Amino acid sequence: MKIQPLKRFVVALAAALGTAAHAAGTVGATLPPDFPVIEDASLQKPVIGFGAAGTVARTPVVFLHGNNDTPFATTCNPYGRIQALAQHLADNGYSTSELWGLGYQGDQCDLPADQTLRSRVAHTNAANVPDLRRFVRAVLAYTGATQVDIVAHSLGVTLAREWLRQDDAHGTVRRFVAIDGPNHGIINCSPSPLNYWQLPASGGFTPDSAVCEELGSPNTPFLKLLNGRGEVETPMRVLVIRNADTSFVYFALQDGAIAPVPAIDAFGVPTDFSRSASLRGARQLDLVGQGVHDPFLGTTHLGILNSPQTRQATLEFLTRRP
């Protein structure tokens, strides 16, 4: 055997073995040492996240958590369950080098000192678009891929959609899984005295708070612009996974340990938010009883992210042939 063919064989074998090792690997809680350092535009410190070096055979997946959450559990946040969703993909053929999580709100350790940060500017969609934009560009450059898939929960859904709108980046995203996102607003922003989310200890979700100015009604300027041109744009394919029975950000119903608030928007108008997570033109999977998957509060809105049904539907949607 000639030396050059032998060298090519050894290189190919090493790459194959490396891919197999990653496919059976564990999703971590760090970014690779040689991955670009991205400064959080709101926090002025490096973003947290997960990802790994290695070969890439599939479209890389970017995972986005919701408001007041993290991509993995931190000292100040016990949730971080989107990492477990990424692990399900790793357990079913994905390399860890193809799975990337962005923590666009830091580790949440600033919240105990001031709960109203939950509803302030640094937690808005618009404020976090720069973080997502730079992260996607870095993942594409690092992996050599031309597209990414996105899997997002709650606020991560509208964050992804706002980045797509601002950059007209629909050709950059191959497939998008939108899990219980606030596409048509949230129920937590009304001026009603029964809306306890307005209290500083509950996050300060008053009608004029920054998050509520974006999401407090289907008719906010932010959502009218986001949904105005079309809720799903080609060539990107979209799967919505939503709670159909209750969810404390959309339904005026008890959700686990969280009591309901009136179905009134930030302008004081009675509003049905129960189908807020839907997107016209997307495939949709409606789930019920997802509170059993939230080990802390028993809520469907958090449980759906930790659900075996959500994990399997995500895997099947991302890997299904066109």
C-alpha atoms as a PDB file:
ATOM      1  CA  MET A   1       0.000   0.000   0.000  1.00  0.00           C
ATOM      2  CA  LYS A   2       1.293   3.448  -0.859  1.00  0.00           C
ATOM      3  CA  ILE A   3       2.001   5.879   1.951  1.00  0.00           C
ATOM      4  CA  GLN A   4      -0.509   8.563   0.805  1.00  0.00           C
ATOM      5  CA  PRO A   5      -3.552   6.245   0.617  1.00  0.00           C
ATOM      6  CA  LEU A   6      -2.565   4.767   3.993  1.00  0.00           C
ATOM      7  CA  LYS A   7      -2.383   8.252   5.493  1.00  0.00           C
ATOM      8  CA  ARG A   8      -5.824   9.111   4.112  1.00  0.00           C
ATOM      9  CA  PHE A   9      -7.211   5.859   5.555  1.00  0.00           C
ATOM     10  CA  VAL A  10      -5.789   6.598   9.021  1.00  0.00           C
ATOM     11  CA  VAL A  11      -7.170  10.147   8.988  1.00  0.00           C
ATOM     12  CA  ALA A  12     -10.609   8.936   7.895  1.00  0.00           C
ATOM     13  CA  LEU A  13     -10.605   6.207  10.567  1.00  0.00           C
ATOM     14  CA  ALA A  14      -9.646   8.699  13.281  1.00  0.00           C
ATOM     15  CA  ALA A  15     -12.437  11.044  12.183  1.00  0.00           C
ATOM     16  CA  ALA A  16     -14.956   8.197  12.227  1.00  0.00           C
ATOM     17  CA  LEU A  17     -13.884   7.088  15.690  1.00  0.00           C
ATOM     18  CA  GLY A  18     -14.048  10.677  16.928  1.00  0.00           C
ATOM     19  CA  THR A  19     -17.593  11.059  15.572  1.00  0.00           C
ATOM     20  CA  ALA A  20     -18.666   7.823  17.246  1.00  0.00           C
ATOM     21  CA  ALA A  21     -17.200   8.955  20.557  1.00  0.00           C
ATOM     22  CA  HIS A  22     -19.064  12.264  20.397  1.00  0.00           C
ATOM     23  CA  ALA A  23     -22.309  10.564  19.386  1.00  0.00           C
ATOM     24  CA  ALA A  24     -22.222   8.598  22.626  1.00  0.00           C
ATOM     25  CA  GLY A  25     -21.043  11.595  24.602  1.00  0.00           C
ATOM     26  CA  THR A  26     -22.434  13.786  27.322  1.00  0.00           C
ATOM     27  CA  VAL A  27     -23.620  17.327  26.688  1.00  0.00           C
ATOM     28  CA  GLY A  28     -21.508  19.557  28.904  1.00  0.00           C
ATOM     29  CA  ALA A  29     -21.915  22.943  30.561  1.00  0.00           C
ATOM     30  CA  THR A  30     -19.121  24.858  28.828  1.00  0.00           C
ATOM     31  CA  LEU A  31     -18.164  26.124  25.411  1.00  0.00           C
ATOM     32  CA  PRO A  32     -14.951  24.877  23.750  1.00  0.00           C
ATOM     33  CA  PRO A  33     -11.772  26.710  24.844  1.00  0.00           C
ATOM     34  CA  ASP A  34     -11.127  27.899  21.290  1.00  0.00           C
ATOM     35  CA  PHE A  35     -14.716  29.019  20.659  1.00  0.00           C
ATOM     36  CA  PRO A  36     -14.988  32.819  20.256  1.00  0.00           C
ATOM     37  CA  VAL A  37     -15.694  34.713  23.476  1.00  0.00           C
ATOM     38  CA  ILE A  38     -19.043  36.477  23.049  1.00  0.00           C
ATOM     39  CA  GLU A  39     -19.848  39.297  25.451  1.00  0.00           C
ATOM     40  CA  ASP A  40     -23.436  39.433  26.669  1.00  0.00           C
ATOM     41  CA  ALA A  41     -24.730  42.746  25.354  1.00  0.00           C
ATOM     42  CA  SER A  42     -26.821  43.344  28.498  1.00  0.00           C
ATOM     43  CA  LEU A  43     -24.578  41.923  31.224  1.00  0.00           C
ATOM     44  CA  GLN A  44     -21.142  42.924  29.863  1.00  0.00           C
ATOM     45  CA  LYS A  45     -19.674  39.527  30.648  1.00  0.00           C
ATOM     46  CA  PRO A  46     -19.079  36.444  28.472  1.00  0.00           C
ATOM     47  CA  VAL A  47     -22.201  34.477  27.613  1.00  0.00           C
ATOM     48  CA  ILE A  48     -22.545  31.015  29.108  1.00  0.00           C
ATOM     49  CA  GLY A  49     -23.512  28.000  27.065  1.00  0.00           C
ATOM     50  CA  PHE A  50     -22.589  24.534  25.909  1.00  0.00           C
ATOM     51  CA  GLY A  51     -20.984  23.036  22.832  1.00  0.00           C
ATOM     52  CA  ALA A  52     -18.072  20.837  21.862  1.00  0.00           C
ATOM     53  CA  ALA A  53     -15.261  20.565  19.369  1.00  0.00           C
ATOM     54  CA  GLY A  54     -15.335  17.762  16.833  1.00  0.00           C
ATOM     55  CA  THR A  55     -16.555  16.744  13.424  1.00  0.00           C
ATOM     56  CA  VAL A  56     -20.007  17.798  12.248  1.00  0.00           C
ATOM     57  CA  ALA A  57     -22.109  15.555  10.023  1.00  0.00           C
ATOM     58  CA  ARG A  58     -25.577  16.996  10.769  1.00  0.00           C
ATOM     59  CA  THR A  59     -26.964  20.508  10.832  1.00  0.00           C
ATOM     60  CA  PRO A  60     -25.834  22.012  14.168  1.00  0.00           C
ATOM     61  CA  VAL A  61     -28.653  22.687  16.639  1.00  0.00           C
ATOM     62  CA  VAL A  62     -28.824  25.889  18.703  1.00  0.00           C
ATOM     63  CA  PHE A  63     -30.866  25.590  21.930  1.00  0.00           C
ATOM     64  CA  LEU A  64     -32.513  28.650  23.492  1.00  0.00           C
ATOM     65  CA  HIS A  65     -34.023  28.639  26.989  1.00  0.00           C
ATOM     66  CA  GLY A  66     -36.874  30.858  28.191  1.00  0.00           C
ATOM     67  CA  ASN A  67     -37.038  33.953  30.391  1.00  0.00           C
ATOM     68  CA  ASN A  68     -35.379  33.631  33.804  1.00  0.00           C
ATOM     69  CA  ASP A  69     -33.839  30.301  32.816  1.00  0.00           C
ATOM     70  CA  THR A  70     -30.386  29.036  31.831  1.00  0.00           C
ATOM     71  CA  PRO A  71     -29.128  26.460  29.305  1.00  0.00           C
ATOM     72  CA  PHE A  72     -28.207  24.134  32.195  1.00  0.00           C
ATOM     73  CA  ALA A  73     -28.721  24.200  35.949  1.00  0.00           C
ATOM     74  CA  THR A  74     -26.624  26.840  37.723  1.00  0.00           C
ATOM     75  CA  THR A  75     -25.990  27.772  41.344  1.00  0.00           C
ATOM     76  CA  CYS A  76     -28.894  30.225  41.154  1.00  0.00           C
ATOM     77  CA  ASN A  77     -31.245  28.346  38.809  1.00  0.00           C
ATOM     78  CA  PRO A  78     -32.212  24.683  39.321  1.00  0.00           C
ATOM     79  CA  TYR A  79     -34.052  24.346  36.000  1.00  0.00           C
ATOM     80  CA  GLY A  80     -31.849  24.566  32.905  1.00  0.00           C
ATOM     81  CA  ARG A  81     -33.618  21.583  31.361  1.00  0.00           C
ATOM     82  CA  ILE A  82     -32.945  22.454  27.737  1.00  0.00           C
ATOM     83  CA  GLN A  83     -29.601  20.721  28.260  1.00  0.00           C
ATOM     84  CA  ALA A  84     -31.515  17.467  28.873  1.00  0.00           C
ATOM     85  CA  LEU A  85     -33.309  17.932  25.557  1.00  0.00           C
ATOM     86  CA  ALA A  86     -29.932  18.307  23.879  1.00  0.00           C
ATOM     87  CA  GLN A  87     -28.756  15.169  25.676  1.00  0.00           C
ATOM     88  CA  HIS A  88     -31.687  13.236  24.180  1.00  0.00           C
ATOM     89  CA  LEU A  89     -30.369  14.118  20.742  1.00  0.00           C
ATOM     90  CA  ALA A  90     -26.853  13.075  21.793  1.00  0.00           C
ATOM     91  CA  ASP A  91     -28.241   9.747  22.991  1.00  0.00           C
ATOM     92  CA  ASN A  92     -29.844   9.225  19.599  1.00  0.00           C
ATOM     93  CA  GLY A  93     -27.069   9.798  17.099  1.00  0.00           C
ATOM     94  CA  TYR A  94     -26.062  13.445  17.374  1.00  0.00           C
ATOM     95  CA  SER A  95     -22.472  14.382  18.114  1.00  0.00           C
ATOM     96  CA  THR A  96     -21.991  16.765  21.020  1.00  0.00           C
ATOM     97  CA  SER A  97     -20.157  18.969  18.503  1.00  0.00           C
ATOM     98  CA  GLU A  98     -23.516  19.432  16.777  1.00  0.00           C
ATOM     99  CA  LEU A  99     -25.355  20.617  19.914  1.00  0.00           C
ATOM    100  CA  TRP A 100     -24.986  24.232  21.082  1.00  0.00           C
ATOM    101  CA  GLY A 101     -26.766  26.064  23.894  1.00  0.00           C
ATOM    102  CA  LEU A 102     -26.785  29.816  24.471  1.00  0.00           C
ATOM    103  CA  GLY A 103     -27.336  31.391  27.892  1.00  0.00           C
ATOM    104  CA  TYR A 104     -28.411  34.858  26.838  1.00  0.00           C
ATOM    105  CA  GLN A 105     -29.368  36.031  30.364  1.00  0.00           C
ATOM    106  CA  GLY A 106     -26.349  34.803  32.276  1.00  0.00           C
ATOM    107  CA  ASP A 107     -26.558  32.475  35.280  1.00  0.00           C
ATOM    108  CA  GLN A 108     -29.516  34.374  36.836  1.00  0.00           C
ATOM    109  CA  CYS A 109     -27.523  35.078  40.001  1.00  0.00           C
ATOM    110  CA  ASP A 110     -28.492  38.736  39.774  1.00  0.00           C
ATOM    111  CA  LEU A 111     -32.182  37.943  40.398  1.00  0.00           C
ATOM    112  CA  PRO A 112     -32.176  37.281  44.189  1.00  0.00           C
ATOM    113  CA  ALA A 113     -31.127  40.871  44.853  1.00  0.00           C
ATOM    114  CA  ASP A 114     -33.790  42.325  42.532  1.00  0.00           C
ATOM    115  CA  GLN A 115     -36.661  40.177  41.259  1.00  0.00           C
ATOM    116  CA  THR A 116     -37.880  42.966  38.961  1.00  0.00           C
ATOM    117  CA  LEU A 117     -34.946  42.229  36.662  1.00  0.00           C
ATOM    118  CA  ARG A 118     -37.173  39.426  35.350  1.00  0.00           C
ATOM    119  CA  SER A 119     -39.324  41.980  33.534  1.00  0.00           C
ATOM    120  CA  ARG A 120     -36.746  44.650  32.722  1.00  0.00           C
ATOM    121  CA  VAL A 121     -34.861  45.540  29.560  1.00  0.00           C
ATOM    122  CA  ALA A 122     -32.075  42.944  29.846  1.00  0.00           C
ATOM    123  CA  HIS A 123     -34.720  40.198  29.686  1.00  0.00           C
ATOM    124  CA  THR A 124     -36.471  41.448  26.556  1.00  0.00           C
ATOM    125  CA  ASN A 125     -36.314  39.885  23.124  1.00  0.00           C
ATOM    126  CA  ALA A 126     -34.837  42.972  21.499  1.00  0.00           C
ATOM    127  CA  ALA A 127     -32.033  43.298  24.047  1.00  0.00           C
ATOM    128  CA  ASN A 128     -30.852  39.735  23.457  1.00  0.00           C
ATOM    129  CA  VAL A 129     -30.897  39.615  19.661  1.00  0.00           C
ATOM    130  CA  PRO A 130     -27.248  40.757  19.489  1.00  0.00           C
ATOM    131  CA  ASP A 131     -26.200  37.795  21.655  1.00  0.00           C
ATOM    132  CA  LEU A 132     -28.050  35.307  19.457  1.00  0.00           C
ATOM    133  CA  ARG A 133     -26.816  36.900  16.239  1.00  0.00           C
ATOM    134  CA  ARG A 134     -23.169  36.641  17.304  1.00  0.00           C
ATOM    135  CA  PHE A 135     -23.635  33.145  18.705  1.00  0.00           C
ATOM    136  CA  VAL A 136     -25.152  31.746  15.512  1.00  0.00           C
ATOM    137  CA  ARG A 137     -22.412  33.338  13.424  1.00  0.00           C
ATOM    138  CA  ALA A 138     -19.775  31.853  15.734  1.00  0.00           C
ATOM    139  CA  VAL A 139     -21.339  28.367  15.581  1.00  0.00           C
ATOM    140  CA  LEU A 140     -21.454  28.504  11.776  1.00  0.00           C
ATOM    141  CA  ALA A 141     -17.831  29.628  11.558  1.00  0.00           C
ATOM    142  CA  TYR A 142     -16.626  27.130  14.168  1.00  0.00           C
ATOM    143  CA  THR A 143     -18.407  24.118  12.670  1.00  0.00           C
ATOM    144  CA  GLY A 144     -18.115  25.074   9.007  1.00  0.00           C
ATOM    145  CA  ALA A 145     -21.874  24.594   8.585  1.00  0.00           C
ATOM    146  CA  THR A 146     -24.009  26.787   6.338  1.00  0.00           C
ATOM    147  CA  GLN A 147     -27.214  26.455   8.381  1.00  0.00           C
ATOM    148  CA  VAL A 148     -28.370  25.769  11.919  1.00  0.00           C
ATOM    149  CA  ASP A 149     -31.506  24.281  13.428  1.00  0.00           C
ATOM    150  CA  ILE A 150     -33.057  26.059  16.411  1.00  0.00           C
ATOM    151  CA  VAL A 151     -34.855  24.497  19.369  1.00  0.00           C
ATOM    152  CA  ALA A 152     -36.352  27.136  21.675  1.00  0.00           C
ATOM    153  CA  HIS A 153     -38.609  27.301  24.715  1.00  0.00           C
ATOM    154  CA  SER A 154     -40.831  30.190  25.833  1.00  0.00           C
ATOM    155  CA  LEU A 155     -39.049  33.551  25.387  1.00  0.00           C
ATOM    156  CA  GLY A 156     -36.395  31.773  23.331  1.00  0.00           C
ATOM    157  CA  VAL A 157     -39.039  31.268  20.627  1.00  0.00           C
ATOM    158  CA  THR A 158     -39.772  34.955  20.115  1.00  0.00           C
ATOM    159  CA  LEU A 159     -36.083  35.787  20.546  1.00  0.00           C
ATOM    160  CA  ALA A 160     -35.258  33.499  17.623  1.00  0.00           C
ATOM    161  CA  ARG A 161     -38.113  34.903  15.562  1.00  0.00           C
ATOM    162  CA  GLU A 162     -37.054  38.507  16.216  1.00  0.00           C
ATOM    163  CA  TRP A 163     -33.474  37.722  15.171  1.00  0.00           C
ATOM    164  CA  LEU A 164     -34.806  36.052  12.021  1.00  0.00           C
ATOM    165  CA  ARG A 165     -36.941  39.118  11.292  1.00  0.00           C
ATOM    166  CA  GLN A 166     -34.203  41.667  11.928  1.00  0.00           C
ATOM    167  CA  ASP A 167     -31.582  39.851   9.858  1.00  0.00           C
ATOM    168  CA  ASP A 168     -33.946  38.269   7.307  1.00  0.00           C
ATOM    169  CA  ALA A 169     -32.106  35.093   8.248  1.00  0.00           C
ATOM    170  CA  HIS A 170     -34.778  32.508   7.387  1.00  0.00           C
ATOM    171  CA  GLY A 171     -32.398  30.859   4.920  1.00  0.00           C
ATOM    172  CA  THR A 172     -29.841  30.407   7.720  1.00  0.00           C
ATOM    173  CA  VAL A 173     -32.226  28.236   9.772  1.00  0.00           C
ATOM    174  CA  ARG A 174     -33.194  24.871   8.312  1.00  0.00           C
ATOM    175  CA  ARG A 175     -35.718  23.750  10.965  1.00  0.00           C
ATOM    176  CA  PHE A 176     -37.142  25.463  14.041  1.00  0.00           C
ATOM    177  CA  VAL A 177     -38.828  23.794  17.032  1.00  0.00           C
ATOM    178  CA  ALA A 178     -40.907  26.381  18.939  1.00  0.00           C
ATOM    179  CA  ILE A 179     -41.911  25.082  22.382  1.00  0.00           C
ATOM    180  CA  ASP A 180     -44.726  26.964  24.175  1.00  0.00           C
ATOM    181  CA  GLY A 181     -43.530  30.377  22.981  1.00  0.00           C
ATOM    182  CA  PRO A 182     -45.271  33.752  23.616  1.00  0.00           C
ATOM    183  CA  ASN A 183     -45.917  34.452  19.932  1.00  0.00           C
ATOM    184  CA  HIS A 184     -49.157  36.309  20.667  1.00  0.00           C
ATOM    185  CA  GLY A 185     -48.434  37.641  24.145  1.00  0.00           C
ATOM    186  CA  ILE A 186     -48.559  36.622  27.797  1.00  0.00           C
ATOM    187  CA  ILE A 187     -51.296  36.834  30.413  1.00  0.00           C
ATOM    188  CA  ASN A 188     -49.075  38.200  33.206  1.00  0.00           C
ATOM    189  CA  CYS A 189     -49.063  41.919  32.327  1.00  0.00           C
ATOM    190  CA  SER A 190     -52.530  43.293  33.027  1.00  0.00           C
ATOM    191  CA  PRO A 191     -53.250  46.304  35.264  1.00  0.00           C
ATOM    192  CA  SER A 192     -55.828  44.207  37.154  1.00  0.00           C
ATOM    193  CA  PRO A 193     -55.304  44.235  40.942  1.00  0.00           C
ATOM    194  CA  LEU A 194     -55.656  40.450  40.727  1.00  0.00           C
ATOM    195  CA  ASN A 195     -52.520  40.221  38.603  1.00  0.00           C
ATOM    196  CA  TYR A 196     -49.977  39.438  41.324  1.00  0.00           C
ATOM    197  CA  TRP A 197     -47.164  39.256  38.735  1.00  0.00           C
ATOM    198  CA  GLN A 198     -47.061  43.048  39.006  1.00  0.00           C
ATOM    199  CA  LEU A 199     -45.615  42.828  42.519  1.00  0.00           C
ATOM    200  CA  PRO A 200     -41.851  43.452  42.771  1.00  0.00           C
ATOM    201  CA  ALA A 201     -41.398  40.088  44.509  1.00  0.00           C
ATOM    202  CA  SER A 202     -43.165  38.371  41.569  1.00  0.00           C
ATOM    203  CA  GLY A 203     -41.045  40.040  38.915  1.00  0.00           C
ATOM    204  CA  GLY A 204     -42.666  43.457  38.472  1.00  0.00           C
ATOM    205  CA  PHE A 205     -44.619  42.570  35.322  1.00  0.00           C
ATOM    206  CA  THR A 206     -46.513  45.849  35.224  1.00  0.00           C
ATOM    207  CA  PRO A 207     -48.048  47.053  31.944  1.00  0.00           C
ATOM    208  CA  ASP A 208     -45.182  49.500  31.435  1.00  0.00           C
ATOM    209  CA  SER A 209     -42.357  47.073  32.252  1.00  0.00           C
ATOM    210  CA  ALA A 210     -40.007  46.346  29.361  1.00  0.00           C
ATOM    211  CA  VAL A 211     -41.048  42.691  28.873  1.00  0.00           C
ATOM    212  CA  CYS A 212     -44.749  43.618  29.036  1.00  0.00           C
ATOM    213  CA  GLU A 213     -44.283  46.407  26.508  1.00  0.00           C
ATOM    214  CA  GLU A 214     -43.128  43.656  24.136  1.00  0.00           C
ATOM    215  CA  LEU A 215     -45.431  40.786  25.117  1.00  0.00           C
ATOM    216  CA  GLY A 216     -48.283  42.154  27.234  1.00  0.00           C
ATOM    217  CA  SER A 217     -50.824  42.004  24.423  1.00  0.00           C
ATOM    218  CA  PRO A 218     -51.145  40.514  20.931  1.00  0.00           C
ATOM    219  CA  ASN A 219     -51.347  44.145  19.833  1.00  0.00           C
ATOM    220  CA  THR A 220     -48.085  45.524  21.201  1.00  0.00           C
ATOM    221  CA  PRO A 221     -45.944  47.261  18.569  1.00  0.00           C
ATOM    222  CA  PHE A 222     -43.323  44.531  19.007  1.00  0.00           C
ATOM    223  CA  LEU A 223     -45.698  41.635  18.291  1.00  0.00           C
ATOM    224  CA  LYS A 224     -47.552  43.426  15.525  1.00  0.00           C
ATOM    225  CA  LEU A 225     -44.225  43.915  13.744  1.00  0.00           C
ATOM    226  CA  LEU A 226     -43.043  40.371  14.505  1.00  0.00           C
ATOM    227  CA  ASN A 227     -46.242  38.742  13.219  1.00  0.00           C
ATOM    228  CA  GLY A 228     -47.186  41.262  10.574  1.00  0.00           C
ATOM    229  CA  ARG A 229     -45.325  39.920   7.555  1.00  0.00           C
ATOM    230  CA  GLY A 230     -46.121  36.276   8.246  1.00  0.00           C
ATOM    231  CA  GLU A 231     -45.596  33.987  11.198  1.00  0.00           C
ATOM    232  CA  VAL A 232     -43.664  31.290   9.307  1.00  0.00           C
ATOM    233  CA  GLU A 233     -41.444  32.107   6.342  1.00  0.00           C
ATOM    234  CA  THR A 234     -39.942  29.676   3.867  1.00  0.00           C
ATOM    235  CA  PRO A 235     -37.641  27.881   3.307  1.00  0.00           C
ATOM    236  CA  MET A 236     -37.444  27.288   7.065  1.00  0.00           C
ATOM    237  CA  ARG A 237     -39.691  24.522   8.430  1.00  0.00           C
ATOM    238  CA  VAL A 238     -41.330  24.999  11.834  1.00  0.00           C
ATOM    239  CA  LEU A 239     -42.794  22.671  14.463  1.00  0.00           C
ATOM    240  CA  VAL A 240     -44.797  24.202  17.315  1.00  0.00           C
ATOM    241  CA  ILE A 241     -45.113  22.138  20.508  1.00  0.00           C
ATOM    242  CA  ARG A 242     -47.633  23.711  22.882  1.00  0.00           C
ATOM    243  CA  ASN A 243     -49.645  23.044  26.004  1.00  0.00           C
ATOM    244  CA  ALA A 244     -53.307  22.648  25.101  1.00  0.00           C
ATOM    245  CA  ASP A 245     -54.755  22.343  28.623  1.00  0.00           C
ATOM    246  CA  THR A 246     -53.048  25.016  30.732  1.00  0.00           C
ATOM    247  CA  SER A 247     -49.854  27.060  31.004  1.00  0.00           C
ATOM    248  CA  PHE A 248     -49.400  29.827  33.553  1.00  0.00           C
ATOM    249  CA  VAL A 249     -48.237  32.397  30.995  1.00  0.00           C
ATOM    250  CA  TYR A 250     -51.229  31.892  28.681  1.00  0.00           C
ATOM    251  CA  PHE A 251     -54.241  30.314  30.441  1.00  0.00           C
ATOM    252  CA  ALA A 252     -56.379  31.784  33.217  1.00  0.00           C
ATOM    253  CA  LEU A 253     -56.184  28.403  34.963  1.00  0.00           C
ATOM    254  CA  GLN A 254     -54.201  26.876  37.820  1.00  0.00           C
ATOM    255  CA  ASP A 255     -50.875  25.535  36.561  1.00  0.00           C
ATOM    256  CA  GLY A 256     -49.266  23.302  39.152  1.00  0.00           C
ATOM    257  CA  ALA A 257     -48.391  25.451  42.164  1.00  0.00           C
ATOM    258  CA  ILE A 258     -48.986  28.711  40.261  1.00  0.00           C
ATOM    259  CA  ALA A 259     -52.372  30.390  40.710  1.00  0.00           C
ATOM    260  CA  PRO A 260     -54.166  31.915  37.702  1.00  0.00           C
ATOM    261  CA  VAL A 261     -54.544  35.606  36.869  1.00  0.00           C
ATOM    262  CA  PRO A 262     -57.329  37.227  34.812  1.00  0.00           C
ATOM    263  CA  ALA A 263     -57.216  36.919  31.021  1.00  0.00           C
ATOM    264  CA  ILE A 264     -56.632  40.629  30.477  1.00  0.00           C
ATOM    265  CA  ASP A 265     -53.898  42.227  28.396  1.00  0.00           C
ATOM    266  CA  ALA A 266     -51.555  45.069  29.330  1.00  0.00           C
ATOM    267  CA  PHE A 267     -54.060  47.605  27.927  1.00  0.00           C
ATOM    268  CA  GLY A 268     -56.804  46.317  30.235  1.00  0.00           C
ATOM    269  CA  VAL A 269     -58.657  44.497  27.433  1.00  0.00           C
ATOM    270  CA  PRO A 270     -60.085  40.994  28.043  1.00  0.00           C
ATOM    271  CA  THR A 271     -57.918  38.727  25.872  1.00  0.00           C
ATOM    272  CA  ASP A 272     -57.706  35.003  25.164  1.00  0.00           C
ATOM    273  CA  PHE A 273     -54.010  34.102  25.261  1.00  0.00           C
ATOM    274  CA  SER A 274     -54.606  30.335  25.278  1.00  0.00           C
ATOM    275  CA  ARG A 275     -53.371  29.878  21.697  1.00  0.00           C
ATOM    276  CA  SER A 276     -50.471  32.292  22.004  1.00  0.00           C
ATOM    277  CA  ALA A 277     -47.900  29.578  21.291  1.00  0.00           C
ATOM    278  CA  SER A 278     -49.402  28.785  17.883  1.00  0.00           C
ATOM    279  CA  LEU A 279     -47.896  29.984  14.618  1.00  0.00           C
ATOM    280  CA  ARG A 280     -49.840  30.169  11.374  1.00  0.00           C
ATOM    281  CA  GLY A 281     -48.200  27.939   8.779  1.00  0.00           C
ATOM    282  CA  ALA A 282     -46.360  25.685  11.260  1.00  0.00           C
ATOM    283  CA  ARG A 283     -46.901  22.048  12.077  1.00  0.00           C
ATOM    284  CA  GLN A 284     -48.335  21.825  15.571  1.00  0.00           C
ATOM    285  CA  LEU A 285     -48.257  19.243  18.325  1.00  0.00           C
ATOM    286  CA  ASP A 286     -50.692  19.851  21.194  1.00  0.00           C
ATOM    287  CA  LEU A 287     -49.803  18.188  24.501  1.00  0.00           C
ATOM    288  CA  VAL A 288     -51.680  17.857  27.793  1.00  0.00           C
ATOM    289  CA  GLY A 289     -50.716  16.843  31.318  1.00  0.00           C
ATOM    290  CA  GLN A 290     -47.145  18.098  31.035  1.00  0.00           C
ATOM    291  CA  GLY A 291     -47.008  19.330  34.632  1.00  0.00           C
ATOM    292  CA  VAL A 292     -45.816  15.897  35.740  1.00  0.00           C
ATOM    293  CA  HIS A 293     -42.460  16.702  34.121  1.00  0.00           C
ATOM    294  CA  ASP A 294     -41.802  19.805  36.249  1.00  0.00           C
ATOM    295  CA  PRO A 295     -40.254  18.409  39.466  1.00  0.00           C
ATOM    296  CA  PHE A 296     -40.250  21.781  41.245  1.00  0.00           C
ATOM    297  CA  LEU A 297     -43.622  23.493  40.716  1.00  0.00           C
ATOM    298  CA  GLY A 298     -45.594  20.957  38.714  1.00  0.00           C
ATOM    299  CA  THR A 299     -46.289  23.467  35.927  1.00  0.00           C
ATOM    300  CA  THR A 300     -47.036  22.567  32.334  1.00  0.00           C
ATOM    301  CA  HIS A 301     -45.113  25.561  30.978  1.00  0.00           C
ATOM    302  CA  LEU A 302     -41.863  24.282  32.476  1.00  0.00           C
ATOM    303  CA  GLY A 303     -42.788  20.616  32.312  1.00  0.00           C
ATOM    304  CA  ILE A 304     -43.266  20.607  28.546  1.00  0.00           C
ATOM    305  CA  LEU A 305     -39.569  21.381  28.075  1.00  0.00           C
ATOM    306  CA  ASN A 306     -38.647  18.360  30.210  1.00  0.00           C
ATOM    307  CA  SER A 307     -41.177  16.052  28.534  1.00  0.00           C
ATOM    308  CA  PRO A 308     -40.292  12.750  26.824  1.00  0.00           C
ATOM    309  CA  GLN A 309     -42.941  13.590  24.211  1.00  0.00           C
ATOM    310  CA  THR A 310     -41.281  16.910  23.458  1.00  0.00           C
ATOM    311  CA  ARG A 311     -37.849  15.299  23.245  1.00  0.00           C
ATOM    312  CA  GLN A 312     -38.979  12.585  20.858  1.00  0.00           C
ATOM    313  CA  ALA A 313     -41.009  14.945  18.669  1.00  0.00           C
ATOM    314  CA  THR A 314     -37.998  17.273  18.436  1.00  0.00           C
ATOM    315  CA  LEU A 315     -35.680  14.428  17.452  1.00  0.00           C
ATOM    316  CA  GLU A 316     -38.070  13.142  14.817  1.00  0.00           C
ATOM    317  CA  PHE A 317     -38.709  16.587  13.339  1.00  0.00           C
ATOM    318  CA  LEU A 318     -35.015  17.458  13.066  1.00  0.00           C
ATOM    319  CA  THR A 319     -33.983  14.122  11.569  1.00  0.00           C
ATOM    320  CA  ARG A 320     -36.955  13.492   9.274  1.00  0.00           C
ATOM    321  CA  ARG A 321     -36.019  13.513   5.604  1.00  0.00           C
ATOM    322  CA  PRO A 322     -37.609  16.307   3.539  1.00  0.00           C
END
